[in-house]
Amino acid sequence: MSLQDFEQCTPFEFSKIVEQAQKKEEERVKLSWNQTRFLALTNLSPYSKKALKPTDIMEFPWDNNETQVRKGTSSYERMKELEKRITLKSSDDKK
């Protein structure tokens, strides 16, 4: 972005530009890690007795379906579920 473009941006426009740049970088990092995991999978497959899946090699946060919003679940239900998890975690931490 040139200085002139930067000076003409509103704060909202600039925040959207930064947000898109962050998403692009995150996708680049995900692609790199997925490629690394695939290489490890192909290297380990001949030595495994069972068929390996990429998640058997390494799990990433973006692989976890639990964090994705489920269709048909209301916000209220998701908040109650989150409250349960937090309560359970805090009670485990106290032990």
PDB file of N, CA and C in Angstrom:
ATOM      1  N   MET A   1       0.849  -1.158   0.000  1.00  0.00           N
ATOM      2  CA  MET A   1       0.000   0.000   0.000  1.00  0.00           C
ATOM      3  C   MET A   1       0.899   1.226   0.000  1.00  0.00           C
ATOM      4  N   SER A   2       0.596   2.119  -0.887  1.00  0.00           N
ATOM      5  CA  SER A   2       1.399   3.337  -0.958  1.00  0.00           C
ATOM      6  C   SER A   2       0.994   4.289   0.165  1.00  0.00           C
ATOM      7  N   LEU A   3       1.848   5.258   0.425  1.00  0.00           N
ATOM      8  CA  LEU A   3       1.574   6.243   1.456  1.00  0.00           C
ATOM      9  C   LEU A   3       0.312   7.021   1.121  1.00  0.00           C
ATOM     10  N   GLN A   4       0.136   7.340  -0.138  1.00  0.00           N
ATOM     11  CA  GLN A   4      -1.044   8.090  -0.566  1.00  0.00           C
ATOM     12  C   GLN A   4      -2.325   7.263  -0.324  1.00  0.00           C
ATOM     13  N   ASP A   5      -2.273   5.986  -0.646  1.00  0.00           N
ATOM     14  CA  ASP A   5      -3.425   5.120  -0.386  1.00  0.00           C
ATOM     15  C   ASP A   5      -3.719   5.033   1.106  1.00  0.00           C
ATOM     16  N   PHE A   6      -2.655   4.906   1.893  1.00  0.00           N
ATOM     17  CA  PHE A   6      -2.826   4.832   3.344  1.00  0.00           C
ATOM     18  C   PHE A   6      -3.474   6.098   3.891  1.00  0.00           C
ATOM     19  N   GLU A   7      -3.021   7.231   3.428  1.00  0.00           N
ATOM     20  CA  GLU A   7      -3.560   8.498   3.917  1.00  0.00           C
ATOM     21  C   GLU A   7      -5.019   8.692   3.538  1.00  0.00           C
ATOM     22  N   GLN A   8      -5.445   8.083   2.447  1.00  0.00           N
ATOM     23  CA  GLN A   8      -6.825   8.245   1.999  1.00  0.00           C
ATOM     24  C   GLN A   8      -7.781   7.223   2.616  1.00  0.00           C
ATOM     25  N   CYS A   9      -7.264   6.242   3.320  1.00  0.00           N
ATOM     26  CA  CYS A   9      -8.104   5.206   3.929  1.00  0.00           C
ATOM     27  C   CYS A   9      -8.818   5.737   5.161  1.00  0.00           C
ATOM     28  N   THR A  10     -10.043   5.276   5.310  1.00  0.00           N
ATOM     29  CA  THR A  10     -10.742   5.523   6.568  1.00  0.00           C
ATOM     30  C   THR A  10     -10.281   4.447   7.549  1.00  0.00           C
ATOM     31  N   PRO A  11     -10.486   4.664   8.840  1.00  0.00           N
ATOM     32  CA  PRO A  11     -10.105   3.619   9.801  1.00  0.00           C
ATOM     33  C   PRO A  11     -10.793   2.281   9.512  1.00  0.00           C
ATOM     34  N   PHE A  12     -12.042   2.320   9.100  1.00  0.00           N
ATOM     35  CA  PHE A  12     -12.760   1.088   8.779  1.00  0.00           C
ATOM     36  C   PHE A  12     -12.116   0.372   7.593  1.00  0.00           C
ATOM     37  N   GLU A  13     -11.794   1.115   6.541  1.00  0.00           N
ATOM     38  CA  GLU A  13     -11.153   0.518   5.367  1.00  0.00           C
ATOM     39  C   GLU A  13      -9.801  -0.083   5.731  1.00  0.00           C
ATOM     40  N   PHE A  14      -9.043   0.644   6.534  1.00  0.00           N
ATOM     41  CA  PHE A  14      -7.732   0.144   6.931  1.00  0.00           C
ATOM     42  C   PHE A  14      -7.853  -1.132   7.755  1.00  0.00           C
ATOM     43  N   SER A  15      -8.833  -1.176   8.672  1.00  0.00           N
ATOM     44  CA  SER A  15      -9.009  -2.389   9.483  1.00  0.00           C
ATOM     45  C   SER A  15      -9.380  -3.584   8.606  1.00  0.00           C
ATOM     46  N   LYS A  16     -10.185  -3.356   7.576  1.00  0.00           N
ATOM     47  CA  LYS A  16     -10.554  -4.444   6.665  1.00  0.00           C
ATOM     48  C   LYS A  16      -9.342  -4.910   5.849  1.00  0.00           C
ATOM     49  N   ILE A  17      -8.499  -3.992   5.457  1.00  0.00           N
ATOM     50  CA  ILE A  17      -7.279  -4.346   4.709  1.00  0.00           C
ATOM     51  C   ILE A  17      -6.366  -5.194   5.588  1.00  0.00           C
ATOM     52  N   VAL A  18      -6.196  -4.784   6.831  1.00  0.00           N
ATOM     53  CA  VAL A  18      -5.355  -5.532   7.770  1.00  0.00           C
ATOM     54  C   VAL A  18      -5.954  -6.911   8.025  1.00  0.00           C
ATOM     55  N   GLU A  19      -7.268  -6.971   8.190  1.00  0.00           N
ATOM     56  CA  GLU A  19      -7.952  -8.245   8.425  1.00  0.00           C
ATOM     57  C   GLU A  19      -7.729  -9.214   7.262  1.00  0.00           C
ATOM     58  N   GLN A  20      -7.842  -8.718   6.044  1.00  0.00           N
ATOM     59  CA  GLN A  20      -7.623  -9.575   4.869  1.00  0.00           C
ATOM     60  C   GLN A  20      -6.163 -10.018   4.765  1.00  0.00           C
ATOM     61  N   ALA A  21      -5.244  -9.134   5.110  1.00  0.00           N
ATOM     62  CA  ALA A  21      -3.826  -9.503   5.081  1.00  0.00           C
ATOM     63  C   ALA A  21      -3.539 -10.595   6.101  1.00  0.00           C
ATOM     64  N   GLN A  22      -4.164 -10.496   7.277  1.00  0.00           N
ATOM     65  CA  GLN A  22      -3.980 -11.521   8.304  1.00  0.00           C
ATOM     66  C   GLN A  22      -4.564 -12.858   7.858  1.00  0.00           C
ATOM     67  N   LYS A  23      -5.740 -12.830   7.233  1.00  0.00           N
ATOM     68  CA  LYS A  23      -6.351 -14.070   6.735  1.00  0.00           C
ATOM     69  C   LYS A  23      -5.471 -14.720   5.668  1.00  0.00           C
ATOM     70  N   LYS A  24      -4.920 -13.909   4.790  1.00  0.00           N
ATOM     71  CA  LYS A  24      -4.049 -14.430   3.735  1.00  0.00           C
ATOM     72  C   LYS A  24      -2.806 -15.091   4.336  1.00  0.00           C
ATOM     73  N   GLU A  25      -2.212 -14.453   5.332  1.00  0.00           N
ATOM     74  CA  GLU A  25      -1.031 -15.014   5.993  1.00  0.00           C
ATOM     75  C   GLU A  25      -1.382 -16.299   6.731  1.00  0.00           C
ATOM     76  N   GLU A  26      -2.534 -16.321   7.391  1.00  0.00           N
ATOM     77  CA  GLU A  26      -2.969 -17.517   8.102  1.00  0.00           C
ATOM     78  C   GLU A  26      -3.173 -18.687   7.131  1.00  0.00           C
ATOM     79  N   GLU A  27      -3.765 -18.425   5.996  1.00  0.00           N
ATOM     80  CA  GLU A  27      -3.960 -19.468   4.992  1.00  0.00           C
ATOM     81  C   GLU A  27      -2.621 -19.971   4.446  1.00  0.00           C
ATOM     82  N   ARG A  28      -1.662 -19.060   4.292  1.00  0.00           N
ATOM     83  CA  ARG A  28      -0.332 -19.461   3.823  1.00  0.00           C
ATOM     84  C   ARG A  28       0.333 -20.388   4.835  1.00  0.00           C
ATOM     85  N   VAL A  29       0.209 -20.057   6.113  1.00  0.00           N
ATOM     86  CA  VAL A  29       0.793 -20.880   7.173  1.00  0.00           C
ATOM     87  C   VAL A  29       0.109 -22.246   7.230  1.00  0.00           C
ATOM     88  N   LYS A  30      -1.221 -22.269   7.126  1.00  0.00           N
ATOM     89  CA  LYS A  30      -1.964 -23.534   7.133  1.00  0.00           C
ATOM     90  C   LYS A  30      -1.530 -24.427   5.974  1.00  0.00           C
ATOM     91  N   LEU A  31      -1.384 -23.829   4.797  1.00  0.00           N
ATOM     92  CA  LEU A  31      -0.957 -24.599   3.630  1.00  0.00           C
ATOM     93  C   LEU A  31       0.421 -25.205   3.856  1.00  0.00           C
ATOM     94  N   SER A  32       1.318 -24.424   4.415  1.00  0.00           N
ATOM     95  CA  SER A  32       2.671 -24.911   4.676  1.00  0.00           C
ATOM     96  C   SER A  32       2.660 -26.078   5.661  1.00  0.00           C
ATOM     97  N   TRP A  33       1.894 -25.961   6.747  1.00  0.00           N
ATOM     98  CA  TRP A  33       1.826 -27.039   7.730  1.00  0.00           C
ATOM     99  C   TRP A  33       1.136 -28.276   7.155  1.00  0.00           C
ATOM    100  N   ASN A  34       0.123 -28.080   6.345  1.00  0.00           N
ATOM    101  CA  ASN A  34      -0.543 -29.229   5.728  1.00  0.00           C
ATOM    102  C   ASN A  34       0.392 -29.956   4.759  1.00  0.00           C
ATOM    103  N   GLN A  35       1.214 -29.203   4.051  1.00  0.00           N
ATOM    104  CA  GLN A  35       2.195 -29.826   3.165  1.00  0.00           C
ATOM    105  C   GLN A  35       3.219 -30.618   3.973  1.00  0.00           C
ATOM    106  N   THR A  36       3.658 -30.059   5.068  1.00  0.00           N
ATOM    107  CA  THR A  36       4.619 -30.753   5.928  1.00  0.00           C
ATOM    108  C   THR A  36       4.023 -32.040   6.484  1.00  0.00           C
ATOM    109  N   ARG A  37       2.778 -31.962   6.918  1.00  0.00           N
ATOM    110  CA  ARG A  37       2.109 -33.152   7.454  1.00  0.00           C
ATOM    111  C   ARG A  37       1.949 -34.218   6.372  1.00  0.00           C
ATOM    112  N   PHE A  38       1.631 -33.800   5.142  1.00  0.00           N
ATOM    113  CA  PHE A  38       1.487 -34.753   4.055  1.00  0.00           C
ATOM    114  C   PHE A  38       2.812 -35.442   3.754  1.00  0.00           C
ATOM    115  N   LEU A  39       3.905 -34.695   3.768  1.00  0.00           N
ATOM    116  CA  LEU A  39       5.223 -35.302   3.544  1.00  0.00           C
ATOM    117  C   LEU A  39       5.550 -36.321   4.634  1.00  0.00           C
ATOM    118  N   ALA A  40       5.239 -35.974   5.878  1.00  0.00           N
ATOM    119  CA  ALA A  40       5.469 -36.919   6.972  1.00  0.00           C
ATOM    120  C   ALA A  40       4.606 -38.161   6.797  1.00  0.00           C
ATOM    121  N   LEU A  41       3.374 -37.984   6.368  1.00  0.00           N
ATOM    122  CA  LEU A  41       2.465 -39.105   6.136  1.00  0.00           C
ATOM    123  C   LEU A  41       3.009 -40.043   5.056  1.00  0.00           C
ATOM    124  N   THR A  42       3.473 -39.478   3.958  1.00  0.00           N
ATOM    125  CA  THR A  42       3.995 -40.330   2.888  1.00  0.00           C
ATOM    126  C   THR A  42       5.285 -41.028   3.302  1.00  0.00           C
ATOM    127  N   ASN A  43       6.068 -40.403   4.165  1.00  0.00           N
ATOM    128  CA  ASN A  43       7.295 -41.035   4.634  1.00  0.00           C
ATOM    129  C   ASN A  43       7.031 -42.142   5.650  1.00  0.00           C
ATOM    130  N   LEU A  44       5.989 -42.006   6.455  1.00  0.00           N
ATOM    131  CA  LEU A  44       5.696 -42.992   7.492  1.00  0.00           C
ATOM    132  C   LEU A  44       4.787 -44.128   7.029  1.00  0.00           C
ATOM    133  N   SER A  45       4.032 -43.914   5.976  1.00  0.00           N
ATOM    134  CA  SER A  45       3.058 -44.923   5.520  1.00  0.00           C
ATOM    135  C   SER A  45       3.658 -46.301   5.253  1.00  0.00           C
ATOM    136  N   PRO A  46       4.812 -46.412   4.620  1.00  0.00           N
ATOM    137  CA  PRO A  46       5.352 -47.752   4.367  1.00  0.00           C
ATOM    138  C   PRO A  46       5.691 -48.527   5.640  1.00  0.00           C
ATOM    139  N   TYR A  47       5.894 -47.843   6.738  1.00  0.00           N
ATOM    140  CA  TYR A  47       6.293 -48.503   7.984  1.00  0.00           C
ATOM    141  C   TYR A  47       5.125 -48.752   8.937  1.00  0.00           C
ATOM    142  N   SER A  48       3.939 -48.377   8.527  1.00  0.00           N
ATOM    143  CA  SER A  48       2.766 -48.545   9.384  1.00  0.00           C
ATOM    144  C   SER A  48       1.971 -49.768   8.959  1.00  0.00           C
ATOM    145  N   LYS A  49       1.455 -50.493   9.943  1.00  0.00           N
ATOM    146  CA  LYS A  49       0.640 -51.674   9.641  1.00  0.00           C
ATOM    147  C   LYS A  49      -0.775 -51.287   9.249  1.00  0.00           C
ATOM    148  N   LYS A  50      -1.224 -50.126   9.660  1.00  0.00           N
ATOM    149  CA  LYS A  50      -2.569 -49.679   9.298  1.00  0.00           C
ATOM    150  C   LYS A  50      -2.473 -48.456   8.389  1.00  0.00           C
ATOM    151  N   ALA A  51      -3.565 -48.172   7.713  1.00  0.00           N
ATOM    152  CA  ALA A  51      -3.598 -46.989   6.850  1.00  0.00           C
ATOM    153  C   ALA A  51      -3.630 -45.739   7.716  1.00  0.00           C
ATOM    154  N   LEU A  52      -2.706 -44.850   7.483  1.00  0.00           N
ATOM    155  CA  LEU A  52      -2.625 -43.627   8.266  1.00  0.00           C
ATOM    156  C   LEU A  52      -3.451 -42.513   7.639  1.00  0.00           C
ATOM    157  N   LYS A  53      -4.010 -41.696   8.497  1.00  0.00           N
ATOM    158  CA  LYS A  53      -4.698 -40.485   8.062  1.00  0.00           C
ATOM    159  C   LYS A  53      -3.811 -39.303   8.435  1.00  0.00           C
ATOM    160  N   PRO A  54      -3.969 -38.192   7.752  1.00  0.00           N
ATOM    161  CA  PRO A  54      -3.143 -37.026   8.102  1.00  0.00           C
ATOM    162  C   PRO A  54      -3.270 -36.620   9.567  1.00  0.00           C
ATOM    163  N   THR A  55      -4.460 -36.757  10.143  1.00  0.00           N
ATOM    164  CA  THR A  55      -4.633 -36.375  11.550  1.00  0.00           C
ATOM    165  C   THR A  55      -3.965 -37.361  12.499  1.00  0.00           C
ATOM    166  N   ASP A  56      -3.594 -38.561  12.020  1.00  0.00           N
ATOM    167  CA  ASP A  56      -2.832 -39.490  12.847  1.00  0.00           C
ATOM    168  C   ASP A  56      -1.403 -38.994  13.040  1.00  0.00           C
ATOM    169  N   ILE A  57      -0.903 -38.263  12.085  1.00  0.00           N
ATOM    170  CA  ILE A  57       0.460 -37.733  12.149  1.00  0.00           C
ATOM    171  C   ILE A  57       0.518 -36.549  13.095  1.00  0.00           C
ATOM    172  N   MET A  58      -0.376 -35.592  12.855  1.00  0.00           N
ATOM    173  CA  MET A  58      -0.391 -34.378  13.666  1.00  0.00           C
ATOM    174  C   MET A  58      -1.752 -33.713  13.512  1.00  0.00           C
ATOM    175  N   GLU A  59      -2.305 -33.244  14.622  1.00  0.00           N
ATOM    176  CA  GLU A  59      -3.572 -32.518  14.567  1.00  0.00           C
ATOM    177  C   GLU A  59      -3.312 -31.030  14.747  1.00  0.00           C
ATOM    178  N   PHE A  60      -4.023 -30.252  13.974  1.00  0.00           N
ATOM    179  CA  PHE A  60      -3.918 -28.804  14.058  1.00  0.00           C
ATOM    180  C   PHE A  60      -5.229 -28.240  14.576  1.00  0.00           C
ATOM    181  N   PRO A  61      -5.206 -27.045  15.131  1.00  0.00           N
ATOM    182  CA  PRO A  61      -6.450 -26.454  15.630  1.00  0.00           C
ATOM    183  C   PRO A  61      -7.528 -26.332  14.558  1.00  0.00           C
ATOM    184  N   TRP A  62      -7.131 -26.112  13.325  1.00  0.00           N
ATOM    185  CA  TRP A  62      -8.134 -25.959  12.267  1.00  0.00           C
ATOM    186  C   TRP A  62      -8.714 -27.297  11.821  1.00  0.00           C
ATOM    187  N   ASP A  63      -8.161 -28.414  12.305  1.00  0.00           N
ATOM    188  CA  ASP A  63      -8.722 -29.732  12.014  1.00  0.00           C
ATOM    189  C   ASP A  63      -9.881 -30.063  12.943  1.00  0.00           C
ATOM    190  N   ASN A  64      -9.947 -29.381  14.064  1.00  0.00           N
ATOM    191  CA  ASN A  64     -10.918 -29.704  15.088  1.00  0.00           C
ATOM    192  C   ASN A  64     -12.305 -29.214  14.691  1.00  0.00           C
ATOM    193  N   ASN A  65     -13.192 -30.143  14.392  1.00  0.00           N
ATOM    194  CA  ASN A  65     -14.549 -29.798  13.971  1.00  0.00           C
ATOM    195  C   ASN A  65     -15.370 -29.237  15.116  1.00  0.00           C
ATOM    196  N   GLU A  66     -14.949 -29.479  16.336  1.00  0.00           N
ATOM    197  CA  GLU A  66     -15.689 -29.034  17.497  1.00  0.00           C
ATOM    198  C   GLU A  66     -15.729 -27.508  17.587  1.00  0.00           C
ATOM    199  N   THR A  67     -14.683 -26.854  17.109  1.00  0.00           N
ATOM    200  CA  THR A  67     -14.635 -25.404  17.204  1.00  0.00           C
ATOM    201  C   THR A  67     -15.446 -24.725  16.120  1.00  0.00           C
ATOM    202  N   GLN A  68     -15.807 -25.441  15.080  1.00  0.00           N
ATOM    203  CA  GLN A  68     -16.599 -24.859  14.012  1.00  0.00           C
ATOM    204  C   GLN A  68     -18.047 -24.739  14.442  1.00  0.00           C
ATOM    205  N   VAL A  69     -18.698 -23.704  13.967  1.00  0.00           N
ATOM    206  CA  VAL A  69     -20.102 -23.496  14.314  1.00  0.00           C
ATOM    207  C   VAL A  69     -20.939 -24.545  13.595  1.00  0.00           C
ATOM    208  N   ARG A  70     -21.757 -25.222  14.396  1.00  0.00           N
ATOM    209  CA  ARG A  70     -22.611 -26.254  13.816  1.00  0.00           C
ATOM    210  C   ARG A  70     -23.895 -25.626  13.307  1.00  0.00           C
ATOM    211  N   LYS A  71     -24.348 -26.068  12.141  1.00  0.00           N
ATOM    212  CA  LYS A  71     -25.587 -25.554  11.575  1.00  0.00           C
ATOM    213  C   LYS A  71     -26.769 -26.042  12.392  1.00  0.00           C
ATOM    214  N   GLY A  72     -27.745 -25.186  12.553  1.00  0.00           N
ATOM    215  CA  GLY A  72     -28.951 -25.561  13.267  1.00  0.00           C
ATOM    216  C   GLY A  72     -28.853 -25.401  14.771  1.00  0.00           C
ATOM    217  N   THR A  73     -27.728 -24.975  15.276  1.00  0.00           N
ATOM    218  CA  THR A  73     -27.566 -24.781  16.714  1.00  0.00           C
ATOM    219  C   THR A  73     -27.702 -23.288  17.002  1.00  0.00           C
ATOM    220  N   SER A  74     -28.590 -22.952  17.924  1.00  0.00           N
ATOM    221  CA  SER A  74     -28.804 -21.543  18.230  1.00  0.00           C
ATOM    222  C   SER A  74     -27.650 -20.986  19.051  1.00  0.00           C
ATOM    223  N   SER A  75     -27.560 -19.684  19.077  1.00  0.00           N
ATOM    224  CA  SER A  75     -26.520 -19.022  19.866  1.00  0.00           C
ATOM    225  C   SER A  75     -26.684 -19.355  21.344  1.00  0.00           C
ATOM    226  N   TYR A  76     -27.923 -19.399  21.805  1.00  0.00           N
ATOM    227  CA  TYR A  76     -28.193 -19.709  23.205  1.00  0.00           C
ATOM    228  C   TYR A  76     -27.672 -21.099  23.564  1.00  0.00           C
ATOM    229  N   GLU A  77     -27.918 -22.087  22.687  1.00  0.00           N
ATOM    230  CA  GLU A  77     -27.442 -23.448  22.936  1.00  0.00           C
ATOM    231  C   GLU A  77     -25.924 -23.508  22.947  1.00  0.00           C
ATOM    232  N   ARG A  78     -25.294 -22.788  22.037  1.00  0.00           N
ATOM    233  CA  ARG A  78     -23.829 -22.769  21.998  1.00  0.00           C
ATOM    234  C   ARG A  78     -23.263 -22.121  23.256  1.00  0.00           C
ATOM    235  N   MET A  79     -23.902 -21.058  23.735  1.00  0.00           N
ATOM    236  CA  MET A  79     -23.431 -20.400  24.948  1.00  0.00           C
ATOM    237  C   MET A  79     -23.586 -21.316  26.165  1.00  0.00           C
ATOM    238  N   LYS A  80     -24.676 -22.055  26.254  1.00  0.00           N
ATOM    239  CA  LYS A  80     -24.876 -22.994  27.359  1.00  0.00           C
ATOM    240  C   LYS A  80     -23.821 -24.101  27.316  1.00  0.00           C
ATOM    241  N   GLU A  81     -23.530 -24.589  26.116  1.00  0.00           N
ATOM    242  CA  GLU A  81     -22.506 -25.624  25.960  1.00  0.00           C
ATOM    243  C   GLU A  81     -21.137 -25.093  26.379  1.00  0.00           C
ATOM    244  N   LEU A  82     -20.837 -23.872  25.979  1.00  0.00           N
ATOM    245  CA  LEU A  82     -19.572 -23.242  26.359  1.00  0.00           C
ATOM    246  C   LEU A  82     -19.500 -23.043  27.865  1.00  0.00           C
ATOM    247  N   GLU A  83     -20.604 -22.643  28.472  1.00  0.00           N
ATOM    248  CA  GLU A  83     -20.654 -22.461  29.918  1.00  0.00           C
ATOM    249  C   GLU A  83     -20.369 -23.771  30.650  1.00  0.00           C
ATOM    250  N   LYS A  84     -20.921 -24.875  30.138  1.00  0.00           N
ATOM    251  CA  LYS A  84     -20.668 -26.192  30.734  1.00  0.00           C
ATOM    252  C   LYS A  84     -19.184 -26.532  30.675  1.00  0.00           C
ATOM    253  N   ARG A  85     -18.577 -26.311  29.511  1.00  0.00           N
ATOM    254  CA  ARG A  85     -17.158 -26.631  29.341  1.00  0.00           C
ATOM    255  C   ARG A  85     -16.290 -25.806  30.288  1.00  0.00           C
ATOM    256  N   ILE A  86     -16.617 -24.523  30.415  1.00  0.00           N
ATOM    257  CA  ILE A  86     -15.831 -23.650  31.293  1.00  0.00           C
ATOM    258  C   ILE A  86     -15.990 -24.090  32.740  1.00  0.00           C
ATOM    259  N   THR A  87     -17.200 -24.438  33.124  1.00  0.00           N
ATOM    260  CA  THR A  87     -17.459 -24.884  34.488  1.00  0.00           C
ATOM    261  C   THR A  87     -16.698 -26.169  34.783  1.00  0.00           C
ATOM    262  N   LEU A  88     -16.726 -27.110  33.842  1.00  0.00           N
ATOM    263  CA  LEU A  88     -15.994 -28.361  34.034  1.00  0.00           C
ATOM    264  C   LEU A  88     -14.499 -28.117  34.118  1.00  0.00           C
ATOM    265  N   LYS A  89     -13.989 -27.240  33.260  1.00  0.00           N
ATOM    266  CA  LYS A  89     -12.560 -26.964  33.256  1.00  0.00           C
ATOM    267  C   LYS A  89     -12.129 -26.283  34.549  1.00  0.00           C
ATOM    268  N   SER A  90     -12.934 -25.343  35.027  1.00  0.00           N
ATOM    269  CA  SER A  90     -12.559 -24.649  36.263  1.00  0.00           C
ATOM    270  C   SER A  90     -12.632 -25.589  37.464  1.00  0.00           C
ATOM    271  N   SER A  91     -13.582 -26.527  37.463  1.00  0.00           N
ATOM    272  CA  SER A  91     -13.651 -27.476  38.568  1.00  0.00           C
ATOM    273  C   SER A  91     -12.489 -28.460  38.514  1.00  0.00           C
ATOM    274  N   ASP A  92     -12.016 -28.821  37.307  1.00  0.00           N
ATOM    275  CA  ASP A  92     -10.840 -29.690  37.177  1.00  0.00           C
ATOM    276  C   ASP A  92      -9.571 -28.979  37.617  1.00  0.00           C
ATOM    277  N   ASP A  93      -9.492 -27.674  37.347  1.00  0.00           N
ATOM    278  CA  ASP A  93      -8.308 -26.903  37.727  1.00  0.00           C
ATOM    279  C   ASP A  93      -8.185 -26.746  39.233  1.00  0.00           C
ATOM    280  N   LYS A  94      -9.319 -26.731  39.944  1.00  0.00           N
ATOM    281  CA  LYS A  94      -9.307 -26.557  41.381  1.00  0.00           C
ATOM    282  C   LYS A  94      -8.836 -27.809  42.108  1.00  0.00           C
ATOM    283  N   LYS A  95      -8.936 -28.961  41.458  1.00  0.00           N
ATOM    284  CA  LYS A  95      -8.541 -30.226  42.091  1.00  0.00           C
ATOM    285  C   LYS A  95      -7.071 -30.372  42.204  1.00  0.00           C
TER     286      LYS A  95
END
